Amino acid sequence: AKIFDHIEHHFAESLSLEEVAELAG
């Protein structure tokens, strides 16, 4: 849920797989 909320609010930014994976540990 944390991951998808983050994507929903930041999908227009330069997101990387490594960054989002680290967010969730």
PDBML (XML) file of the C-alpha atoms, coordinates in Angstrom:
<?xml version="1.0" encoding="UTF-8" ?>
<PDBx:datablock datablockName="MODEL"
   xmlns:PDBx="http://pdbml.pdb.org/schema/pdbx-v50.xsd"
   xmlns:xsi="http://www.w3.org/2001/XMLSchema-instance"
   xsi:schemaLocation="http://pdbml.pdb.org/schema/pdbx-v50.xsd pdbx-v50.xsd">
   <PDBx:atom_siteCategory>
      <PDBx:atom_site id="1">
         <PDBx:B_iso_or_equiv>0.00</PDBx:B_iso_or_equiv>
         <PDBx:Cartn_x>0.000</PDBx:Cartn_x>
         <PDBx:Cartn_y>0.000</PDBx:Cartn_y>
         <PDBx:Cartn_z>0.000</PDBx:Cartn_z>
         <PDBx:auth_asym_id>A</PDBx:auth_asym_id>
         <PDBx:auth_atom_id>CA</PDBx:auth_atom_id>
         <PDBx:auth_comp_id>ALA</PDBx:auth_comp_id>
         <PDBx:auth_seq_id>1</PDBx:auth_seq_id>
         <PDBx:group_PDB>ATOM</PDBx:group_PDB>
         <PDBx:label_alt_id xsi:nil="true" />
         <PDBx:label_asym_id>A</PDBx:label_asym_id>
         <PDBx:label_atom_id>CA</PDBx:label_atom_id>
         <PDBx:label_comp_id>ALA</PDBx:label_comp_id>
         <PDBx:label_entity_id>1</PDBx:label_entity_id>
         <PDBx:label_seq_id>1</PDBx:label_seq_id>
         <PDBx:occupancy>1.00</PDBx:occupancy>
         <PDBx:pdbx_PDB_model_num>1</PDBx:pdbx_PDB_model_num>
         <PDBx:type_symbol>C</PDBx:type_symbol>
      </PDBx:atom_site>
      <PDBx:atom_site id="2">
         <PDBx:B_iso_or_equiv>0.00</PDBx:B_iso_or_equiv>
         <PDBx:Cartn_x>2.869</PDBx:Cartn_x>
         <PDBx:Cartn_y>2.350</PDBx:Cartn_y>
         <PDBx:Cartn_z>0.822</PDBx:Cartn_z>
         <PDBx:auth_asym_id>A</PDBx:auth_asym_id>
         <PDBx:auth_atom_id>CA</PDBx:auth_atom_id>
         <PDBx:auth_comp_id>LYS</PDBx:auth_comp_id>
         <PDBx:auth_seq_id>2</PDBx:auth_seq_id>
         <PDBx:group_PDB>ATOM</PDBx:group_PDB>
         <PDBx:label_alt_id xsi:nil="true" />
         <PDBx:label_asym_id>A</PDBx:label_asym_id>
         <PDBx:label_atom_id>CA</PDBx:label_atom_id>
         <PDBx:label_comp_id>LYS</PDBx:label_comp_id>
         <PDBx:label_entity_id>1</PDBx:label_entity_id>
         <PDBx:label_seq_id>2</PDBx:label_seq_id>
         <PDBx:occupancy>1.00</PDBx:occupancy>
         <PDBx:pdbx_PDB_model_num>1</PDBx:pdbx_PDB_model_num>
         <PDBx:type_symbol>C</PDBx:type_symbol>
      </PDBx:atom_site>
      <PDBx:atom_site id="3">
         <PDBx:B_iso_or_equiv>0.00</PDBx:B_iso_or_equiv>
         <PDBx:Cartn_x>4.527</PDBx:Cartn_x>
         <PDBx:Cartn_y>1.600</PDBx:Cartn_y>
         <PDBx:Cartn_z>-2.518</PDBx:Cartn_z>
         <PDBx:auth_asym_id>A</PDBx:auth_asym_id>
         <PDBx:auth_atom_id>CA</PDBx:auth_atom_id>
         <PDBx:auth_comp_id>ILE</PDBx:auth_comp_id>
         <PDBx:auth_seq_id>3</PDBx:auth_seq_id>
         <PDBx:group_PDB>ATOM</PDBx:group_PDB>
         <PDBx:label_alt_id xsi:nil="true" />
         <PDBx:label_asym_id>A</PDBx:label_asym_id>
         <PDBx:label_atom_id>CA</PDBx:label_atom_id>
         <PDBx:label_comp_id>ILE</PDBx:label_comp_id>
         <PDBx:label_entity_id>1</PDBx:label_entity_id>
         <PDBx:label_seq_id>3</PDBx:label_seq_id>
         <PDBx:occupancy>1.00</PDBx:occupancy>
         <PDBx:pdbx_PDB_model_num>1</PDBx:pdbx_PDB_model_num>
         <PDBx:type_symbol>C</PDBx:type_symbol>
      </PDBx:atom_site>
      <PDBx:atom_site id="4">
         <PDBx:B_iso_or_equiv>0.00</PDBx:B_iso_or_equiv>
         <PDBx:Cartn_x>1.430</PDBx:Cartn_x>
         <PDBx:Cartn_y>2.276</PDBx:Cartn_y>
         <PDBx:Cartn_z>-4.602</PDBx:Cartn_z>
         <PDBx:auth_asym_id>A</PDBx:auth_asym_id>
         <PDBx:auth_atom_id>CA</PDBx:auth_atom_id>
         <PDBx:auth_comp_id>PHE</PDBx:auth_comp_id>
         <PDBx:auth_seq_id>4</PDBx:auth_seq_id>
         <PDBx:group_PDB>ATOM</PDBx:group_PDB>
         <PDBx:label_alt_id xsi:nil="true" />
         <PDBx:label_asym_id>A</PDBx:label_asym_id>
         <PDBx:label_atom_id>CA</PDBx:label_atom_id>
         <PDBx:label_comp_id>PHE</PDBx:label_comp_id>
         <PDBx:label_entity_id>1</PDBx:label_entity_id>
         <PDBx:label_seq_id>4</PDBx:label_seq_id>
         <PDBx:occupancy>1.00</PDBx:occupancy>
         <PDBx:pdbx_PDB_model_num>1</PDBx:pdbx_PDB_model_num>
         <PDBx:type_symbol>C</PDBx:type_symbol>
      </PDBx:atom_site>
      <PDBx:atom_site id="5">
         <PDBx:B_iso_or_equiv>0.00</PDBx:B_iso_or_equiv>
         <PDBx:Cartn_x>0.525</PDBx:Cartn_x>
         <PDBx:Cartn_y>5.407</PDBx:Cartn_y>
         <PDBx:Cartn_z>-2.661</PDBx:Cartn_z>
         <PDBx:auth_asym_id>A</PDBx:auth_asym_id>
         <PDBx:auth_atom_id>CA</PDBx:auth_atom_id>
         <PDBx:auth_comp_id>ASP</PDBx:auth_comp_id>
         <PDBx:auth_seq_id>5</PDBx:auth_seq_id>
         <PDBx:group_PDB>ATOM</PDBx:group_PDB>
         <PDBx:label_alt_id xsi:nil="true" />
         <PDBx:label_asym_id>A</PDBx:label_asym_id>
         <PDBx:label_atom_id>CA</PDBx:label_atom_id>
         <PDBx:label_comp_id>ASP</PDBx:label_comp_id>
         <PDBx:label_entity_id>1</PDBx:label_entity_id>
         <PDBx:label_seq_id>5</PDBx:label_seq_id>
         <PDBx:occupancy>1.00</PDBx:occupancy>
         <PDBx:pdbx_PDB_model_num>1</PDBx:pdbx_PDB_model_num>
         <PDBx:type_symbol>C</PDBx:type_symbol>
      </PDBx:atom_site>
      <PDBx:atom_site id="6">
         <PDBx:B_iso_or_equiv>0.00</PDBx:B_iso_or_equiv>
         <PDBx:Cartn_x>4.053</PDBx:Cartn_x>
         <PDBx:Cartn_y>6.660</PDBx:Cartn_y>
         <PDBx:Cartn_z>-3.361</PDBx:Cartn_z>
         <PDBx:auth_asym_id>A</PDBx:auth_asym_id>
         <PDBx:auth_atom_id>CA</PDBx:auth_atom_id>
         <PDBx:auth_comp_id>HIS</PDBx:auth_comp_id>
         <PDBx:auth_seq_id>6</PDBx:auth_seq_id>
         <PDBx:group_PDB>ATOM</PDBx:group_PDB>
         <PDBx:label_alt_id xsi:nil="true" />
         <PDBx:label_asym_id>A</PDBx:label_asym_id>
         <PDBx:label_atom_id>CA</PDBx:label_atom_id>
         <PDBx:label_comp_id>HIS</PDBx:label_comp_id>
         <PDBx:label_entity_id>1</PDBx:label_entity_id>
         <PDBx:label_seq_id>6</PDBx:label_seq_id>
         <PDBx:occupancy>1.00</PDBx:occupancy>
         <PDBx:pdbx_PDB_model_num>1</PDBx:pdbx_PDB_model_num>
         <PDBx:type_symbol>C</PDBx:type_symbol>
      </PDBx:atom_site>
      <PDBx:atom_site id="7">
         <PDBx:B_iso_or_equiv>0.00</PDBx:B_iso_or_equiv>
         <PDBx:Cartn_x>3.747</PDBx:Cartn_x>
         <PDBx:Cartn_y>5.866</PDBx:Cartn_y>
         <PDBx:Cartn_z>-7.072</PDBx:Cartn_z>
         <PDBx:auth_asym_id>A</PDBx:auth_asym_id>
         <PDBx:auth_atom_id>CA</PDBx:auth_atom_id>
         <PDBx:auth_comp_id>ILE</PDBx:auth_comp_id>
         <PDBx:auth_seq_id>7</PDBx:auth_seq_id>
         <PDBx:group_PDB>ATOM</PDBx:group_PDB>
         <PDBx:label_alt_id xsi:nil="true" />
         <PDBx:label_asym_id>A</PDBx:label_asym_id>
         <PDBx:label_atom_id>CA</PDBx:label_atom_id>
         <PDBx:label_comp_id>ILE</PDBx:label_comp_id>
         <PDBx:label_entity_id>1</PDBx:label_entity_id>
         <PDBx:label_seq_id>7</PDBx:label_seq_id>
         <PDBx:occupancy>1.00</PDBx:occupancy>
         <PDBx:pdbx_PDB_model_num>1</PDBx:pdbx_PDB_model_num>
         <PDBx:type_symbol>C</PDBx:type_symbol>
      </PDBx:atom_site>
      <PDBx:atom_site id="8">
         <PDBx:B_iso_or_equiv>0.00</PDBx:B_iso_or_equiv>
         <PDBx:Cartn_x>0.331</PDBx:Cartn_x>
         <PDBx:Cartn_y>7.550</PDBx:Cartn_y>
         <PDBx:Cartn_z>-7.220</PDBx:Cartn_z>
         <PDBx:auth_asym_id>A</PDBx:auth_asym_id>
         <PDBx:auth_atom_id>CA</PDBx:auth_atom_id>
         <PDBx:auth_comp_id>GLU</PDBx:auth_comp_id>
         <PDBx:auth_seq_id>8</PDBx:auth_seq_id>
         <PDBx:group_PDB>ATOM</PDBx:group_PDB>
         <PDBx:label_alt_id xsi:nil="true" />
         <PDBx:label_asym_id>A</PDBx:label_asym_id>
         <PDBx:label_atom_id>CA</PDBx:label_atom_id>
         <PDBx:label_comp_id>GLU</PDBx:label_comp_id>
         <PDBx:label_entity_id>1</PDBx:label_entity_id>
         <PDBx:label_seq_id>8</PDBx:label_seq_id>
         <PDBx:occupancy>1.00</PDBx:occupancy>
         <PDBx:pdbx_PDB_model_num>1</PDBx:pdbx_PDB_model_num>
         <PDBx:type_symbol>C</PDBx:type_symbol>
      </PDBx:atom_site>
      <PDBx:atom_site id="9">
         <PDBx:B_iso_or_equiv>0.00</PDBx:B_iso_or_equiv>
         <PDBx:Cartn_x>1.708</PDBx:Cartn_x>
         <PDBx:Cartn_y>10.781</PDBx:Cartn_y>
         <PDBx:Cartn_z>-5.775</PDBx:Cartn_z>
         <PDBx:auth_asym_id>A</PDBx:auth_asym_id>
         <PDBx:auth_atom_id>CA</PDBx:auth_atom_id>
         <PDBx:auth_comp_id>HIS</PDBx:auth_comp_id>
         <PDBx:auth_seq_id>9</PDBx:auth_seq_id>
         <PDBx:group_PDB>ATOM</PDBx:group_PDB>
         <PDBx:label_alt_id xsi:nil="true" />
         <PDBx:label_asym_id>A</PDBx:label_asym_id>
         <PDBx:label_atom_id>CA</PDBx:label_atom_id>
         <PDBx:label_comp_id>HIS</PDBx:label_comp_id>
         <PDBx:label_entity_id>1</PDBx:label_entity_id>
         <PDBx:label_seq_id>9</PDBx:label_seq_id>
         <PDBx:occupancy>1.00</PDBx:occupancy>
         <PDBx:pdbx_PDB_model_num>1</PDBx:pdbx_PDB_model_num>
         <PDBx:type_symbol>C</PDBx:type_symbol>
      </PDBx:atom_site>
      <PDBx:atom_site id="10">
         <PDBx:B_iso_or_equiv>0.00</PDBx:B_iso_or_equiv>
         <PDBx:Cartn_x>5.074</PDBx:Cartn_x>
         <PDBx:Cartn_y>10.774</PDBx:Cartn_y>
         <PDBx:Cartn_z>-7.565</PDBx:Cartn_z>
         <PDBx:auth_asym_id>A</PDBx:auth_asym_id>
         <PDBx:auth_atom_id>CA</PDBx:auth_atom_id>
         <PDBx:auth_comp_id>HIS</PDBx:auth_comp_id>
         <PDBx:auth_seq_id>10</PDBx:auth_seq_id>
         <PDBx:group_PDB>ATOM</PDBx:group_PDB>
         <PDBx:label_alt_id xsi:nil="true" />
         <PDBx:label_asym_id>A</PDBx:label_asym_id>
         <PDBx:label_atom_id>CA</PDBx:label_atom_id>
         <PDBx:label_comp_id>HIS</PDBx:label_comp_id>
         <PDBx:label_entity_id>1</PDBx:label_entity_id>
         <PDBx:label_seq_id>10</PDBx:label_seq_id>
         <PDBx:occupancy>1.00</PDBx:occupancy>
         <PDBx:pdbx_PDB_model_num>1</PDBx:pdbx_PDB_model_num>
         <PDBx:type_symbol>C</PDBx:type_symbol>
      </PDBx:atom_site>
      <PDBx:atom_site id="11">
         <PDBx:B_iso_or_equiv>0.00</PDBx:B_iso_or_equiv>
         <PDBx:Cartn_x>4.578</PDBx:Cartn_x>
         <PDBx:Cartn_y>8.990</PDBx:Cartn_y>
         <PDBx:Cartn_z>-10.914</PDBx:Cartn_z>
         <PDBx:auth_asym_id>A</PDBx:auth_asym_id>
         <PDBx:auth_atom_id>CA</PDBx:auth_atom_id>
         <PDBx:auth_comp_id>PHE</PDBx:auth_comp_id>
         <PDBx:auth_seq_id>11</PDBx:auth_seq_id>
         <PDBx:group_PDB>ATOM</PDBx:group_PDB>
         <PDBx:label_alt_id xsi:nil="true" />
         <PDBx:label_asym_id>A</PDBx:label_asym_id>
         <PDBx:label_atom_id>CA</PDBx:label_atom_id>
         <PDBx:label_comp_id>PHE</PDBx:label_comp_id>
         <PDBx:label_entity_id>1</PDBx:label_entity_id>
         <PDBx:label_seq_id>11</PDBx:label_seq_id>
         <PDBx:occupancy>1.00</PDBx:occupancy>
         <PDBx:pdbx_PDB_model_num>1</PDBx:pdbx_PDB_model_num>
         <PDBx:type_symbol>C</PDBx:type_symbol>
      </PDBx:atom_site>
      <PDBx:atom_site id="12">
         <PDBx:B_iso_or_equiv>0.00</PDBx:B_iso_or_equiv>
         <PDBx:Cartn_x>5.391</PDBx:Cartn_x>
         <PDBx:Cartn_y>12.219</PDBx:Cartn_y>
         <PDBx:Cartn_z>-12.786</PDBx:Cartn_z>
         <PDBx:auth_asym_id>A</PDBx:auth_asym_id>
         <PDBx:auth_atom_id>CA</PDBx:auth_atom_id>
         <PDBx:auth_comp_id>ALA</PDBx:auth_comp_id>
         <PDBx:auth_seq_id>12</PDBx:auth_seq_id>
         <PDBx:group_PDB>ATOM</PDBx:group_PDB>
         <PDBx:label_alt_id xsi:nil="true" />
         <PDBx:label_asym_id>A</PDBx:label_asym_id>
         <PDBx:label_atom_id>CA</PDBx:label_atom_id>
         <PDBx:label_comp_id>ALA</PDBx:label_comp_id>
         <PDBx:label_entity_id>1</PDBx:label_entity_id>
         <PDBx:label_seq_id>12</PDBx:label_seq_id>
         <PDBx:occupancy>1.00</PDBx:occupancy>
         <PDBx:pdbx_PDB_model_num>1</PDBx:pdbx_PDB_model_num>
         <PDBx:type_symbol>C</PDBx:type_symbol>
      </PDBx:atom_site>
      <PDBx:atom_site id="13">
         <PDBx:B_iso_or_equiv>0.00</PDBx:B_iso_or_equiv>
         <PDBx:Cartn_x>8.830</PDBx:Cartn_x>
         <PDBx:Cartn_y>12.327</PDBx:Cartn_y>
         <PDBx:Cartn_z>-11.168</PDBx:Cartn_z>
         <PDBx:auth_asym_id>A</PDBx:auth_asym_id>
         <PDBx:auth_atom_id>CA</PDBx:auth_atom_id>
         <PDBx:auth_comp_id>GLU</PDBx:auth_comp_id>
         <PDBx:auth_seq_id>13</PDBx:auth_seq_id>
         <PDBx:group_PDB>ATOM</PDBx:group_PDB>
         <PDBx:label_alt_id xsi:nil="true" />
         <PDBx:label_asym_id>A</PDBx:label_asym_id>
         <PDBx:label_atom_id>CA</PDBx:label_atom_id>
         <PDBx:label_comp_id>GLU</PDBx:label_comp_id>
         <PDBx:label_entity_id>1</PDBx:label_entity_id>
         <PDBx:label_seq_id>13</PDBx:label_seq_id>
         <PDBx:occupancy>1.00</PDBx:occupancy>
         <PDBx:pdbx_PDB_model_num>1</PDBx:pdbx_PDB_model_num>
         <PDBx:type_symbol>C</PDBx:type_symbol>
      </PDBx:atom_site>
      <PDBx:atom_site id="14">
         <PDBx:B_iso_or_equiv>0.00</PDBx:B_iso_or_equiv>
         <PDBx:Cartn_x>11.941</PDBx:Cartn_x>
         <PDBx:Cartn_y>10.393</PDBx:Cartn_y>
         <PDBx:Cartn_z>-12.120</PDBx:Cartn_z>
         <PDBx:auth_asym_id>A</PDBx:auth_asym_id>
         <PDBx:auth_atom_id>CA</PDBx:auth_atom_id>
         <PDBx:auth_comp_id>SER</PDBx:auth_comp_id>
         <PDBx:auth_seq_id>14</PDBx:auth_seq_id>
         <PDBx:group_PDB>ATOM</PDBx:group_PDB>
         <PDBx:label_alt_id xsi:nil="true" />
         <PDBx:label_asym_id>A</PDBx:label_asym_id>
         <PDBx:label_atom_id>CA</PDBx:label_atom_id>
         <PDBx:label_comp_id>SER</PDBx:label_comp_id>
         <PDBx:label_entity_id>1</PDBx:label_entity_id>
         <PDBx:label_seq_id>14</PDBx:label_seq_id>
         <PDBx:occupancy>1.00</PDBx:occupancy>
         <PDBx:pdbx_PDB_model_num>1</PDBx:pdbx_PDB_model_num>
         <PDBx:type_symbol>C</PDBx:type_symbol>
      </PDBx:atom_site>
      <PDBx:atom_site id="15">
         <PDBx:B_iso_or_equiv>0.00</PDBx:B_iso_or_equiv>
         <PDBx:Cartn_x>11.189</PDBx:Cartn_x>
         <PDBx:Cartn_y>7.254</PDBx:Cartn_y>
         <PDBx:Cartn_z>-10.110</PDBx:Cartn_z>
         <PDBx:auth_asym_id>A</PDBx:auth_asym_id>
         <PDBx:auth_atom_id>CA</PDBx:auth_atom_id>
         <PDBx:auth_comp_id>LEU</PDBx:auth_comp_id>
         <PDBx:auth_seq_id>15</PDBx:auth_seq_id>
         <PDBx:group_PDB>ATOM</PDBx:group_PDB>
         <PDBx:label_alt_id xsi:nil="true" />
         <PDBx:label_asym_id>A</PDBx:label_asym_id>
         <PDBx:label_atom_id>CA</PDBx:label_atom_id>
         <PDBx:label_comp_id>LEU</PDBx:label_comp_id>
         <PDBx:label_entity_id>1</PDBx:label_entity_id>
         <PDBx:label_seq_id>15</PDBx:label_seq_id>
         <PDBx:occupancy>1.00</PDBx:occupancy>
         <PDBx:pdbx_PDB_model_num>1</PDBx:pdbx_PDB_model_num>
         <PDBx:type_symbol>C</PDBx:type_symbol>
      </PDBx:atom_site>
      <PDBx:atom_site id="16">
         <PDBx:B_iso_or_equiv>0.00</PDBx:B_iso_or_equiv>
         <PDBx:Cartn_x>13.550</PDBx:Cartn_x>
         <PDBx:Cartn_y>4.311</PDBx:Cartn_y>
         <PDBx:Cartn_z>-10.212</PDBx:Cartn_z>
         <PDBx:auth_asym_id>A</PDBx:auth_asym_id>
         <PDBx:auth_atom_id>CA</PDBx:auth_atom_id>
         <PDBx:auth_comp_id>SER</PDBx:auth_comp_id>
         <PDBx:auth_seq_id>16</PDBx:auth_seq_id>
         <PDBx:group_PDB>ATOM</PDBx:group_PDB>
         <PDBx:label_alt_id xsi:nil="true" />
         <PDBx:label_asym_id>A</PDBx:label_asym_id>
         <PDBx:label_atom_id>CA</PDBx:label_atom_id>
         <PDBx:label_comp_id>SER</PDBx:label_comp_id>
         <PDBx:label_entity_id>1</PDBx:label_entity_id>
         <PDBx:label_seq_id>16</PDBx:label_seq_id>
         <PDBx:occupancy>1.00</PDBx:occupancy>
         <PDBx:pdbx_PDB_model_num>1</PDBx:pdbx_PDB_model_num>
         <PDBx:type_symbol>C</PDBx:type_symbol>
      </PDBx:atom_site>
      <PDBx:atom_site id="17">
         <PDBx:B_iso_or_equiv>0.00</PDBx:B_iso_or_equiv>
         <PDBx:Cartn_x>12.917</PDBx:Cartn_x>
         <PDBx:Cartn_y>0.700</PDBx:Cartn_y>
         <PDBx:Cartn_z>-9.297</PDBx:Cartn_z>
         <PDBx:auth_asym_id>A</PDBx:auth_asym_id>
         <PDBx:auth_atom_id>CA</PDBx:auth_atom_id>
         <PDBx:auth_comp_id>LEU</PDBx:auth_comp_id>
         <PDBx:auth_seq_id>17</PDBx:auth_seq_id>
         <PDBx:group_PDB>ATOM</PDBx:group_PDB>
         <PDBx:label_alt_id xsi:nil="true" />
         <PDBx:label_asym_id>A</PDBx:label_asym_id>
         <PDBx:label_atom_id>CA</PDBx:label_atom_id>
         <PDBx:label_comp_id>LEU</PDBx:label_comp_id>
         <PDBx:label_entity_id>1</PDBx:label_entity_id>
         <PDBx:label_seq_id>17</PDBx:label_seq_id>
         <PDBx:occupancy>1.00</PDBx:occupancy>
         <PDBx:pdbx_PDB_model_num>1</PDBx:pdbx_PDB_model_num>
         <PDBx:type_symbol>C</PDBx:type_symbol>
      </PDBx:atom_site>
      <PDBx:atom_site id="18">
         <PDBx:B_iso_or_equiv>0.00</PDBx:B_iso_or_equiv>
         <PDBx:Cartn_x>15.762</PDBx:Cartn_x>
         <PDBx:Cartn_y>0.817</PDBx:Cartn_y>
         <PDBx:Cartn_z>-6.751</PDBx:Cartn_z>
         <PDBx:auth_asym_id>A</PDBx:auth_asym_id>
         <PDBx:auth_atom_id>CA</PDBx:auth_atom_id>
         <PDBx:auth_comp_id>GLU</PDBx:auth_comp_id>
         <PDBx:auth_seq_id>18</PDBx:auth_seq_id>
         <PDBx:group_PDB>ATOM</PDBx:group_PDB>
         <PDBx:label_alt_id xsi:nil="true" />
         <PDBx:label_asym_id>A</PDBx:label_asym_id>
         <PDBx:label_atom_id>CA</PDBx:label_atom_id>
         <PDBx:label_comp_id>GLU</PDBx:label_comp_id>
         <PDBx:label_entity_id>1</PDBx:label_entity_id>
         <PDBx:label_seq_id>18</PDBx:label_seq_id>
         <PDBx:occupancy>1.00</PDBx:occupancy>
         <PDBx:pdbx_PDB_model_num>1</PDBx:pdbx_PDB_model_num>
         <PDBx:type_symbol>C</PDBx:type_symbol>
      </PDBx:atom_site>
      <PDBx:atom_site id="19">
         <PDBx:B_iso_or_equiv>0.00</PDBx:B_iso_or_equiv>
         <PDBx:Cartn_x>14.345</PDBx:Cartn_x>
         <PDBx:Cartn_y>3.937</PDBx:Cartn_y>
         <PDBx:Cartn_z>-5.071</PDBx:Cartn_z>
         <PDBx:auth_asym_id>A</PDBx:auth_asym_id>
         <PDBx:auth_atom_id>CA</PDBx:auth_atom_id>
         <PDBx:auth_comp_id>GLU</PDBx:auth_comp_id>
         <PDBx:auth_seq_id>19</PDBx:auth_seq_id>
         <PDBx:group_PDB>ATOM</PDBx:group_PDB>
         <PDBx:label_alt_id xsi:nil="true" />
         <PDBx:label_asym_id>A</PDBx:label_asym_id>
         <PDBx:label_atom_id>CA</PDBx:label_atom_id>
         <PDBx:label_comp_id>GLU</PDBx:label_comp_id>
         <PDBx:label_entity_id>1</PDBx:label_entity_id>
         <PDBx:label_seq_id>19</PDBx:label_seq_id>
         <PDBx:occupancy>1.00</PDBx:occupancy>
         <PDBx:pdbx_PDB_model_num>1</PDBx:pdbx_PDB_model_num>
         <PDBx:type_symbol>C</PDBx:type_symbol>
      </PDBx:atom_site>
      <PDBx:atom_site id="20">
         <PDBx:B_iso_or_equiv>0.00</PDBx:B_iso_or_equiv>
         <PDBx:Cartn_x>10.840</PDBx:Cartn_x>
         <PDBx:Cartn_y>2.499</PDBx:Cartn_y>
         <PDBx:Cartn_z>-4.661</PDBx:Cartn_z>
         <PDBx:auth_asym_id>A</PDBx:auth_asym_id>
         <PDBx:auth_atom_id>CA</PDBx:auth_atom_id>
         <PDBx:auth_comp_id>VAL</PDBx:auth_comp_id>
         <PDBx:auth_seq_id>20</PDBx:auth_seq_id>
         <PDBx:group_PDB>ATOM</PDBx:group_PDB>
         <PDBx:label_alt_id xsi:nil="true" />
         <PDBx:label_asym_id>A</PDBx:label_asym_id>
         <PDBx:label_atom_id>CA</PDBx:label_atom_id>
         <PDBx:label_comp_id>VAL</PDBx:label_comp_id>
         <PDBx:label_entity_id>1</PDBx:label_entity_id>
         <PDBx:label_seq_id>20</PDBx:label_seq_id>
         <PDBx:occupancy>1.00</PDBx:occupancy>
         <PDBx:pdbx_PDB_model_num>1</PDBx:pdbx_PDB_model_num>
         <PDBx:type_symbol>C</PDBx:type_symbol>
      </PDBx:atom_site>
      <PDBx:atom_site id="21">
         <PDBx:B_iso_or_equiv>0.00</PDBx:B_iso_or_equiv>
         <PDBx:Cartn_x>12.170</PDBx:Cartn_x>
         <PDBx:Cartn_y>-0.884</PDBx:Cartn_y>
         <PDBx:Cartn_z>-3.499</PDBx:Cartn_z>
         <PDBx:auth_asym_id>A</PDBx:auth_asym_id>
         <PDBx:auth_atom_id>CA</PDBx:auth_atom_id>
         <PDBx:auth_comp_id>ALA</PDBx:auth_comp_id>
         <PDBx:auth_seq_id>21</PDBx:auth_seq_id>
         <PDBx:group_PDB>ATOM</PDBx:group_PDB>
         <PDBx:label_alt_id xsi:nil="true" />
         <PDBx:label_asym_id>A</PDBx:label_asym_id>
         <PDBx:label_atom_id>CA</PDBx:label_atom_id>
         <PDBx:label_comp_id>ALA</PDBx:label_comp_id>
         <PDBx:label_entity_id>1</PDBx:label_entity_id>
         <PDBx:label_seq_id>21</PDBx:label_seq_id>
         <PDBx:occupancy>1.00</PDBx:occupancy>
         <PDBx:pdbx_PDB_model_num>1</PDBx:pdbx_PDB_model_num>
         <PDBx:type_symbol>C</PDBx:type_symbol>
      </PDBx:atom_site>
      <PDBx:atom_site id="22">
         <PDBx:B_iso_or_equiv>0.00</PDBx:B_iso_or_equiv>
         <PDBx:Cartn_x>14.274</PDBx:Cartn_x>
         <PDBx:Cartn_y>0.845</PDBx:Cartn_y>
         <PDBx:Cartn_z>-0.844</PDBx:Cartn_z>
         <PDBx:auth_asym_id>A</PDBx:auth_asym_id>
         <PDBx:auth_atom_id>CA</PDBx:auth_atom_id>
         <PDBx:auth_comp_id>GLU</PDBx:auth_comp_id>
         <PDBx:auth_seq_id>22</PDBx:auth_seq_id>
         <PDBx:group_PDB>ATOM</PDBx:group_PDB>
         <PDBx:label_alt_id xsi:nil="true" />
         <PDBx:label_asym_id>A</PDBx:label_asym_id>
         <PDBx:label_atom_id>CA</PDBx:label_atom_id>
         <PDBx:label_comp_id>GLU</PDBx:label_comp_id>
         <PDBx:label_entity_id>1</PDBx:label_entity_id>
         <PDBx:label_seq_id>22</PDBx:label_seq_id>
         <PDBx:occupancy>1.00</PDBx:occupancy>
         <PDBx:pdbx_PDB_model_num>1</PDBx:pdbx_PDB_model_num>
         <PDBx:type_symbol>C</PDBx:type_symbol>
      </PDBx:atom_site>
      <PDBx:atom_site id="23">
         <PDBx:B_iso_or_equiv>0.00</PDBx:B_iso_or_equiv>
         <PDBx:Cartn_x>11.228</PDBx:Cartn_x>
         <PDBx:Cartn_y>2.812</PDBx:Cartn_y>
         <PDBx:Cartn_z>0.323</PDBx:Cartn_z>
         <PDBx:auth_asym_id>A</PDBx:auth_asym_id>
         <PDBx:auth_atom_id>CA</PDBx:auth_atom_id>
         <PDBx:auth_comp_id>LEU</PDBx:auth_comp_id>
         <PDBx:auth_seq_id>23</PDBx:auth_seq_id>
         <PDBx:group_PDB>ATOM</PDBx:group_PDB>
         <PDBx:label_alt_id xsi:nil="true" />
         <PDBx:label_asym_id>A</PDBx:label_asym_id>
         <PDBx:label_atom_id>CA</PDBx:label_atom_id>
         <PDBx:label_comp_id>LEU</PDBx:label_comp_id>
         <PDBx:label_entity_id>1</PDBx:label_entity_id>
         <PDBx:label_seq_id>23</PDBx:label_seq_id>
         <PDBx:occupancy>1.00</PDBx:occupancy>
         <PDBx:pdbx_PDB_model_num>1</PDBx:pdbx_PDB_model_num>
         <PDBx:type_symbol>C</PDBx:type_symbol>
      </PDBx:atom_site>
      <PDBx:atom_site id="24">
         <PDBx:B_iso_or_equiv>0.00</PDBx:B_iso_or_equiv>
         <PDBx:Cartn_x>9.579</PDBx:Cartn_x>
         <PDBx:Cartn_y>-0.461</PDBx:Cartn_y>
         <PDBx:Cartn_z>1.341</PDBx:Cartn_z>
         <PDBx:auth_asym_id>A</PDBx:auth_asym_id>
         <PDBx:auth_atom_id>CA</PDBx:auth_atom_id>
         <PDBx:auth_comp_id>ALA</PDBx:auth_comp_id>
         <PDBx:auth_seq_id>24</PDBx:auth_seq_id>
         <PDBx:group_PDB>ATOM</PDBx:group_PDB>
         <PDBx:label_alt_id xsi:nil="true" />
         <PDBx:label_asym_id>A</PDBx:label_asym_id>
         <PDBx:label_atom_id>CA</PDBx:label_atom_id>
         <PDBx:label_comp_id>ALA</PDBx:label_comp_id>
         <PDBx:label_entity_id>1</PDBx:label_entity_id>
         <PDBx:label_seq_id>24</PDBx:label_seq_id>
         <PDBx:occupancy>1.00</PDBx:occupancy>
         <PDBx:pdbx_PDB_model_num>1</PDBx:pdbx_PDB_model_num>
         <PDBx:type_symbol>C</PDBx:type_symbol>
      </PDBx:atom_site>
      <PDBx:atom_site id="25">
         <PDBx:B_iso_or_equiv>0.00</PDBx:B_iso_or_equiv>
         <PDBx:Cartn_x>12.769</PDBx:Cartn_x>
         <PDBx:Cartn_y>-2.038</PDBx:Cartn_y>
         <PDBx:Cartn_z>2.625</PDBx:Cartn_z>
         <PDBx:auth_asym_id>A</PDBx:auth_asym_id>
         <PDBx:auth_atom_id>CA</PDBx:auth_atom_id>
         <PDBx:auth_comp_id>GLY</PDBx:auth_comp_id>
         <PDBx:auth_seq_id>25</PDBx:auth_seq_id>
         <PDBx:group_PDB>ATOM</PDBx:group_PDB>
         <PDBx:label_alt_id xsi:nil="true" />
         <PDBx:label_asym_id>A</PDBx:label_asym_id>
         <PDBx:label_atom_id>CA</PDBx:label_atom_id>
         <PDBx:label_comp_id>GLY</PDBx:label_comp_id>
         <PDBx:label_entity_id>1</PDBx:label_entity_id>
         <PDBx:label_seq_id>25</PDBx:label_seq_id>
         <PDBx:occupancy>1.00</PDBx:occupancy>
         <PDBx:pdbx_PDB_model_num>1</PDBx:pdbx_PDB_model_num>
         <PDBx:type_symbol>C</PDBx:type_symbol>
      </PDBx:atom_site>
   </PDBx:atom_siteCategory>
</PDBx:datablock>
